Amino acid sequence: IDAFGGSVHDVIGTRCDPYTGNLLAGSQ
């Protein structure tokens, strides 16, 4: 765990997805 609280192989993120991209930026 680094000084920022970061580490590798996480089970906290969901996965990047097109729905959140569309919600935040109107993207496809």
PDB file of all heavy atoms in Angstrom:
ATOM      1  N   ILE A   1       0.871  -1.186   0.000  1.00  0.00           N
ATOM      2  CA  ILE A   1       0.000   0.000   0.000  1.00  0.00           C
ATOM      3  C   ILE A   1       0.898   1.224   0.000  1.00  0.00           C
ATOM      4  O   ILE A   1       1.759   1.379   0.870  1.00  0.00           O
ATOM      5  CB  ILE A   1      -0.933   0.012   1.224  1.00  0.00           C
ATOM      6  CG1 ILE A   1      -1.817  -1.241   1.232  1.00  0.00           C
ATOM      7  CG2 ILE A   1      -1.806   1.267   1.214  1.00  0.00           C
ATOM      8  CD1 ILE A   1      -2.703  -1.365   2.465  1.00  0.00           C
ATOM      9  N   ASP A   2       0.721   2.102  -0.988  1.00  0.00           N
ATOM     10  CA  ASP A   2       1.605   3.259  -1.110  1.00  0.00           C
ATOM     11  C   ASP A   2       1.133   4.430  -0.246  1.00  0.00           C
ATOM     12  O   ASP A   2       0.128   4.321   0.483  1.00  0.00           O
ATOM     13  CB  ASP A   2       1.781   3.661  -2.577  1.00  0.00           C
ATOM     14  CG  ASP A   2       0.495   4.127  -3.247  1.00  0.00           C
ATOM     15  OD1 ASP A   2      -0.377   4.711  -2.561  1.00  0.00           O
ATOM     16  OD2 ASP A   2       0.355   3.911  -4.475  1.00  0.00           O
ATOM     17  N   ALA A   3       1.847   5.546  -0.326  1.00  0.00           N
ATOM     18  CA  ALA A   3       1.572   6.695   0.537  1.00  0.00           C
ATOM     19  C   ALA A   3       0.218   7.333   0.259  1.00  0.00           C
ATOM     20  O   ALA A   3      -0.310   8.071   1.104  1.00  0.00           O
ATOM     21  CB  ALA A   3       2.680   7.733   0.381  1.00  0.00           C
ATOM     22  N   PHE A   4      -0.352   7.079  -0.922  1.00  0.00           N
ATOM     23  CA  PHE A   4      -1.665   7.625  -1.262  1.00  0.00           C
ATOM     24  C   PHE A   4      -2.798   6.688  -0.848  1.00  0.00           C
ATOM     25  O   PHE A   4      -3.974   7.011  -1.012  1.00  0.00           O
ATOM     26  CB  PHE A   4      -1.751   7.884  -2.767  1.00  0.00           C
ATOM     27  CG  PHE A   4      -0.725   8.841  -3.281  1.00  0.00           C
ATOM     28  CD1 PHE A   4       0.443   8.383  -3.856  1.00  0.00           C
ATOM     29  CD2 PHE A   4      -0.916  10.209  -3.172  1.00  0.00           C
ATOM     30  CE1 PHE A   4       1.399   9.260  -4.327  1.00  0.00           C
ATOM     31  CE2 PHE A   4       0.033  11.099  -3.639  1.00  0.00           C
ATOM     32  CZ  PHE A   4       1.204  10.635  -4.219  1.00  0.00           C
ATOM     33  N   GLY A   5      -2.450   5.499  -0.354  1.00  0.00           N
ATOM     34  CA  GLY A   5      -3.449   4.484  -0.053  1.00  0.00           C
ATOM     35  C   GLY A   5      -3.749   3.597  -1.238  1.00  0.00           C
ATOM     36  O   GLY A   5      -4.706   2.819  -1.217  1.00  0.00           O
ATOM     37  N   GLY A   6      -2.922   3.677  -2.291  1.00  0.00           N
ATOM     38  CA  GLY A   6      -3.123   2.866  -3.481  1.00  0.00           C
ATOM     39  C   GLY A   6      -2.494   1.496  -3.368  1.00  0.00           C
ATOM     40  O   GLY A   6      -1.476   1.313  -2.700  1.00  0.00           O
ATOM     41  N   SER A   7      -3.093   0.533  -4.057  1.00  0.00           N
ATOM     42  CA  SER A   7      -2.550  -0.819  -4.134  1.00  0.00           C
ATOM     43  C   SER A   7      -3.033  -1.433  -5.443  1.00  0.00           C
ATOM     44  O   SER A   7      -3.767  -0.793  -6.210  1.00  0.00           O
ATOM     45  CB  SER A   7      -2.984  -1.651  -2.923  1.00  0.00           C
ATOM     46  OG  SER A   7      -2.245  -2.846  -2.858  1.00  0.00           O
ATOM     47  N   VAL A   8      -2.609  -2.682  -5.729  1.00  0.00           N
ATOM     48  CA  VAL A   8      -2.935  -3.294  -7.022  1.00  0.00           C
ATOM     49  C   VAL A   8      -3.891  -4.469  -6.858  1.00  0.00           C
ATOM     50  O   VAL A   8      -4.020  -5.043  -5.789  1.00  0.00           O
ATOM     51  CB  VAL A   8      -1.658  -3.753  -7.756  1.00  0.00           C
ATOM     52  CG1 VAL A   8      -0.827  -2.565  -8.190  1.00  0.00           C
ATOM     53  CG2 VAL A   8      -0.832  -4.693  -6.890  1.00  0.00           C
ATOM     54  N   HIS A   9      -4.553  -4.815  -7.979  1.00  0.00           N
ATOM     55  CA  HIS A   9      -5.535  -5.907  -8.062  1.00  0.00           C
ATOM     56  C   HIS A   9      -6.756  -5.588  -7.177  1.00  0.00           C
ATOM     57  O   HIS A   9      -7.015  -6.251  -6.172  1.00  0.00           O
ATOM     58  CB  HIS A   9      -4.941  -7.253  -7.630  1.00  0.00           C
ATOM     59  CG  HIS A   9      -3.597  -7.570  -8.200  1.00  0.00           C
ATOM     60  ND1 HIS A   9      -3.291  -7.427  -9.541  1.00  0.00           N
ATOM     61  CD2 HIS A   9      -2.469  -8.048  -7.609  1.00  0.00           C
ATOM     62  CE1 HIS A   9      -2.027  -7.801  -9.743  1.00  0.00           C
ATOM     63  NE2 HIS A   9      -1.518  -8.178  -8.586  1.00  0.00           N
ATOM     64  N   ASP A  10      -7.509  -4.579  -7.572  1.00  0.00           N
ATOM     65  CA  ASP A  10      -8.591  -4.138  -6.685  1.00  0.00           C
ATOM     66  C   ASP A  10      -9.908  -4.830  -6.956  1.00  0.00           C
ATOM     67  O   ASP A  10     -10.196  -5.274  -8.064  1.00  0.00           O
ATOM     68  CB  ASP A  10      -8.743  -2.613  -6.722  1.00  0.00           C
ATOM     69  CG  ASP A  10      -9.658  -2.086  -7.820  1.00  0.00           C
ATOM     70  OD1 ASP A  10     -10.860  -2.385  -7.796  1.00  0.00           O
ATOM     71  OD2 ASP A  10      -9.182  -1.341  -8.692  1.00  0.00           O
ATOM     72  N   VAL A  11     -10.709  -4.903  -5.881  1.00  0.00           N
ATOM     73  CA  VAL A  11     -12.090  -5.372  -5.955  1.00  0.00           C
ATOM     74  C   VAL A  11     -13.025  -4.265  -5.470  1.00  0.00           C
ATOM     75  O   VAL A  11     -14.046  -4.513  -4.842  1.00  0.00           O
ATOM     76  CB  VAL A  11     -12.299  -6.678  -5.150  1.00  0.00           C
ATOM     77  CG1 VAL A  11     -11.692  -7.853  -5.878  1.00  0.00           C
ATOM     78  CG2 VAL A  11     -11.706  -6.581  -3.745  1.00  0.00           C
ATOM     79  N   ILE A  12     -12.652  -3.014  -5.802  1.00  0.00           N
ATOM     80  CA  ILE A  12     -13.496  -1.870  -5.425  1.00  0.00           C
ATOM     81  C   ILE A  12     -14.078  -1.169  -6.648  1.00  0.00           C
ATOM     82  O   ILE A  12     -15.176  -0.621  -6.585  1.00  0.00           O
ATOM     83  CB  ILE A  12     -12.743  -0.853  -4.535  1.00  0.00           C
ATOM     84  CG1 ILE A  12     -11.385  -0.475  -5.132  1.00  0.00           C
ATOM     85  CG2 ILE A  12     -12.554  -1.406  -3.136  1.00  0.00           C
ATOM     86  CD1 ILE A  12     -10.598   0.546  -4.321  1.00  0.00           C
ATOM     87  N   GLY A  13     -13.351  -1.178  -7.765  1.00  0.00           N
ATOM     88  CA  GLY A  13     -13.873  -0.548  -8.971  1.00  0.00           C
ATOM     89  C   GLY A  13     -14.869  -1.448  -9.666  1.00  0.00           C
ATOM     90  O   GLY A  13     -14.873  -2.672  -9.491  1.00  0.00           O
ATOM     91  N   THR A  14     -15.713  -0.872 -10.471  1.00  0.00           N
ATOM     92  CA  THR A  14     -16.777  -1.643 -11.104  1.00  0.00           C
ATOM     93  C   THR A  14     -16.379  -2.184 -12.468  1.00  0.00           C
ATOM     94  O   THR A  14     -16.598  -3.345 -12.763  1.00  0.00           O
ATOM     95  CB  THR A  14     -18.040  -0.789 -11.243  1.00  0.00           C
ATOM     96  OG1 THR A  14     -17.724   0.427 -11.933  1.00  0.00           O
ATOM     97  CG2 THR A  14     -18.602  -0.453  -9.874  1.00  0.00           C
ATOM     98  N   ARG A  15     -15.833  -1.424 -13.340  1.00  0.00           N
ATOM     99  CA  ARG A  15     -15.361  -1.642 -14.707  1.00  0.00           C
ATOM    100  C   ARG A  15     -15.766  -0.397 -15.484  1.00  0.00           C
ATOM    101  O   ARG A  15     -16.841   0.168 -15.248  1.00  0.00           O
ATOM    102  CB  ARG A  15     -15.955  -2.907 -15.367  1.00  0.00           C
ATOM    103  CG  ARG A  15     -17.490  -2.875 -15.541  1.00  0.00           C
ATOM    104  CD  ARG A  15     -18.042  -4.258 -15.725  1.00  0.00           C
ATOM    105  NE  ARG A  15     -19.493  -4.285 -15.795  1.00  0.00           N
ATOM    106  CZ  ARG A  15     -20.293  -4.315 -14.734  1.00  0.00           C
ATOM    107  NH1 ARG A  15     -19.777  -4.290 -13.512  1.00  0.00           N
ATOM    108  NH2 ARG A  15     -21.609  -4.368 -14.878  1.00  0.00           N
ATOM    109  N   CYS A  16     -14.955   0.075 -16.382  1.00  0.00           N
ATOM    110  CA  CYS A  16     -15.369   1.224 -17.191  1.00  0.00           C
ATOM    111  C   CYS A  16     -16.513   0.771 -18.094  1.00  0.00           C
ATOM    112  O   CYS A  16     -16.517  -0.352 -18.597  1.00  0.00           O
ATOM    113  CB  CYS A  16     -14.204   1.804 -17.975  1.00  0.00           C
ATOM    114  SG  CYS A  16     -13.330   0.682 -19.104  1.00  0.00           S
ATOM    115  N   ASP A  17     -17.491   1.645 -18.258  1.00  0.00           N
ATOM    116  CA  ASP A  17     -18.709   1.239 -18.963  1.00  0.00           C
ATOM    117  C   ASP A  17     -19.279   2.391 -19.767  1.00  0.00           C
ATOM    118  O   ASP A  17     -19.017   3.562 -19.481  1.00  0.00           O
ATOM    119  CB  ASP A  17     -19.748   0.752 -17.946  1.00  0.00           C
ATOM    120  CG  ASP A  17     -20.287   1.886 -17.097  1.00  0.00           C
ATOM    121  OD1 ASP A  17     -19.663   2.215 -16.065  1.00  0.00           O
ATOM    122  OD2 ASP A  17     -21.301   2.502 -17.469  1.00  0.00           O
ATOM    123  N   PRO A  18     -20.093   2.109 -20.797  1.00  0.00           N
ATOM    124  CA  PRO A  18     -20.633   3.171 -21.649  1.00  0.00           C
ATOM    125  C   PRO A  18     -21.750   3.962 -20.993  1.00  0.00           C
ATOM    126  O   PRO A  18     -22.021   5.098 -21.396  1.00  0.00           O
ATOM    127  CB  PRO A  18     -21.149   2.404 -22.871  1.00  0.00           C
ATOM    128  CG  PRO A  18     -21.494   1.052 -22.344  1.00  0.00           C
ATOM    129  CD  PRO A  18     -20.479   0.763 -21.269  1.00  0.00           C
ATOM    130  N   TYR A  19     -22.391   3.404 -19.985  1.00  0.00           N
ATOM    131  CA  TYR A  19     -23.509   4.086 -19.356  1.00  0.00           C
ATOM    132  C   TYR A  19     -23.030   5.261 -18.505  1.00  0.00           C
ATOM    133  O   TYR A  19     -23.606   6.357 -18.553  1.00  0.00           O
ATOM    134  CB  TYR A  19     -24.311   3.098 -18.509  1.00  0.00           C
ATOM    135  CG  TYR A  19     -24.843   1.948 -19.329  1.00  0.00           C
ATOM    136  CD1 TYR A  19     -24.210   0.708 -19.316  1.00  0.00           C
ATOM    137  CD2 TYR A  19     -25.952   2.105 -20.152  1.00  0.00           C
ATOM    138  CE1 TYR A  19     -24.674  -0.340 -20.092  1.00  0.00           C
ATOM    139  CE2 TYR A  19     -26.429   1.059 -20.929  1.00  0.00           C
ATOM    140  CZ  TYR A  19     -25.790  -0.162 -20.897  1.00  0.00           C
ATOM    141  OH  TYR A  19     -26.249  -1.193 -21.677  1.00  0.00           O
ATOM    142  N   THR A  20     -21.969   5.051 -17.734  1.00  0.00           N
ATOM    143  CA  THR A  20     -21.418   6.146 -16.940  1.00  0.00           C
ATOM    144  C   THR A  20     -20.809   7.197 -17.859  1.00  0.00           C
ATOM    145  O   THR A  20     -20.931   8.402 -17.605  1.00  0.00           O
ATOM    146  CB  THR A  20     -20.365   5.605 -15.950  1.00  0.00           C
ATOM    147  OG1 THR A  20     -20.957   4.592 -15.146  1.00  0.00           O
ATOM    148  CG2 THR A  20     -19.862   6.717 -15.043  1.00  0.00           C
ATOM    149  N   GLY A  21     -20.157   6.758 -18.941  1.00  0.00           N
ATOM    150  CA  GLY A  21     -19.622   7.719 -19.903  1.00  0.00           C
ATOM    151  C   GLY A  21     -20.715   8.581 -20.502  1.00  0.00           C
ATOM    152  O   GLY A  21     -20.562   9.798 -20.647  1.00  0.00           O
ATOM    153  N   ASN A  22     -21.837   7.960 -20.822  1.00  0.00           N
ATOM    154  CA  ASN A  22     -22.957   8.722 -21.365  1.00  0.00           C
ATOM    155  C   ASN A  22     -23.539   9.664 -20.320  1.00  0.00           C
ATOM    156  O   ASN A  22     -23.890  10.819 -20.624  1.00  0.00           O
ATOM    157  CB  ASN A  22     -24.028   7.759 -21.878  1.00  0.00           C
ATOM    158  CG  ASN A  22     -25.188   8.483 -22.518  1.00  0.00           C
ATOM    159  OD1 ASN A  22     -26.220   8.704 -21.888  1.00  0.00           O
ATOM    160  ND2 ASN A  22     -25.014   8.876 -23.772  1.00  0.00           N
ATOM    161  N   LEU A  23     -23.617   9.201 -19.066  1.00  0.00           N
ATOM    162  CA  LEU A  23     -24.150  10.032 -17.987  1.00  0.00           C
ATOM    163  C   LEU A  23     -23.289  11.270 -17.748  1.00  0.00           C
ATOM    164  O   LEU A  23     -23.801  12.383 -17.602  1.00  0.00           O
ATOM    165  CB  LEU A  23     -24.228   9.200 -16.705  1.00  0.00           C
ATOM    166  CG  LEU A  23     -24.659   9.919 -15.432  1.00  0.00           C
ATOM    167  CD1 LEU A  23     -26.125  10.328 -15.526  1.00  0.00           C
ATOM    168  CD2 LEU A  23     -24.434   9.016 -14.221  1.00  0.00           C
ATOM    169  N   LEU A  24     -21.974  11.079 -17.719  1.00  0.00           N
ATOM    170  CA  LEU A  24     -21.071  12.169 -17.357  1.00  0.00           C
ATOM    171  C   LEU A  24     -20.662  13.039 -18.539  1.00  0.00           C
ATOM    172  O   LEU A  24     -20.395  14.234 -18.368  1.00  0.00           O
ATOM    173  CB  LEU A  24     -19.814  11.605 -16.690  1.00  0.00           C
ATOM    174  CG  LEU A  24     -20.024  10.858 -15.370  1.00  0.00           C
ATOM    175  CD1 LEU A  24     -18.714  10.301 -14.857  1.00  0.00           C
ATOM    176  CD2 LEU A  24     -20.658  11.779 -14.323  1.00  0.00           C
ATOM    177  N   ALA A  25     -20.598  12.444 -19.737  1.00  0.00           N
ATOM    178  CA  ALA A  25     -20.056  13.191 -20.875  1.00  0.00           C
ATOM    179  C   ALA A  25     -20.912  13.112 -22.132  1.00  0.00           C
ATOM    180  O   ALA A  25     -20.542  13.682 -23.163  1.00  0.00           O
ATOM    181  CB  ALA A  25     -18.650  12.691 -21.194  1.00  0.00           C
ATOM    182  N   GLY A  26     -22.027  12.393 -22.077  1.00  0.00           N
ATOM    183  CA  GLY A  26     -22.876  12.274 -23.256  1.00  0.00           C
ATOM    184  C   GLY A  26     -22.247  11.458 -24.369  1.00  0.00           C
ATOM    185  O   GLY A  26     -22.624  11.587 -25.534  1.00  0.00           O
ATOM    186  N   SER A  27     -21.305  10.573 -24.033  1.00  0.00           N
ATOM    187  CA  SER A  27     -20.550   9.839 -25.047  1.00  0.00           C
ATOM    188  C   SER A  27     -21.252   8.539 -25.433  1.00  0.00           C
ATOM    189  O   SER A  27     -22.157   8.064 -24.752  1.00  0.00           O
ATOM    190  CB  SER A  27     -19.146   9.540 -24.529  1.00  0.00           C
ATOM    191  OG  SER A  27     -19.213   8.719 -23.376  1.00  0.00           O
ATOM    192  N   GLN A  28     -20.800   7.981 -26.553  1.00  0.00           N
ATOM    193  CA  GLN A  28     -21.237   6.655 -27.012  1.00  0.00           C
ATOM    194  C   GLN A  28     -19.973   5.858 -27.316  1.00  0.00           C
ATOM    195  O   GLN A  28     -19.595   5.658 -28.471  1.00  0.00           O
ATOM    196  CB  GLN A  28     -22.117   6.782 -28.249  1.00  0.00           C
ATOM    197  CG  GLN A  28     -23.453   7.452 -28.026  1.00  0.00           C
ATOM    198  CD  GLN A  28     -24.433   6.561 -27.273  1.00  0.00           C
ATOM    199  OE1 GLN A  28     -24.409   5.347 -27.399  1.00  0.00           O
ATOM    200  NE2 GLN A  28     -25.301   7.188 -26.490  1.00  0.00           N
TER     201      GLN A  28
END
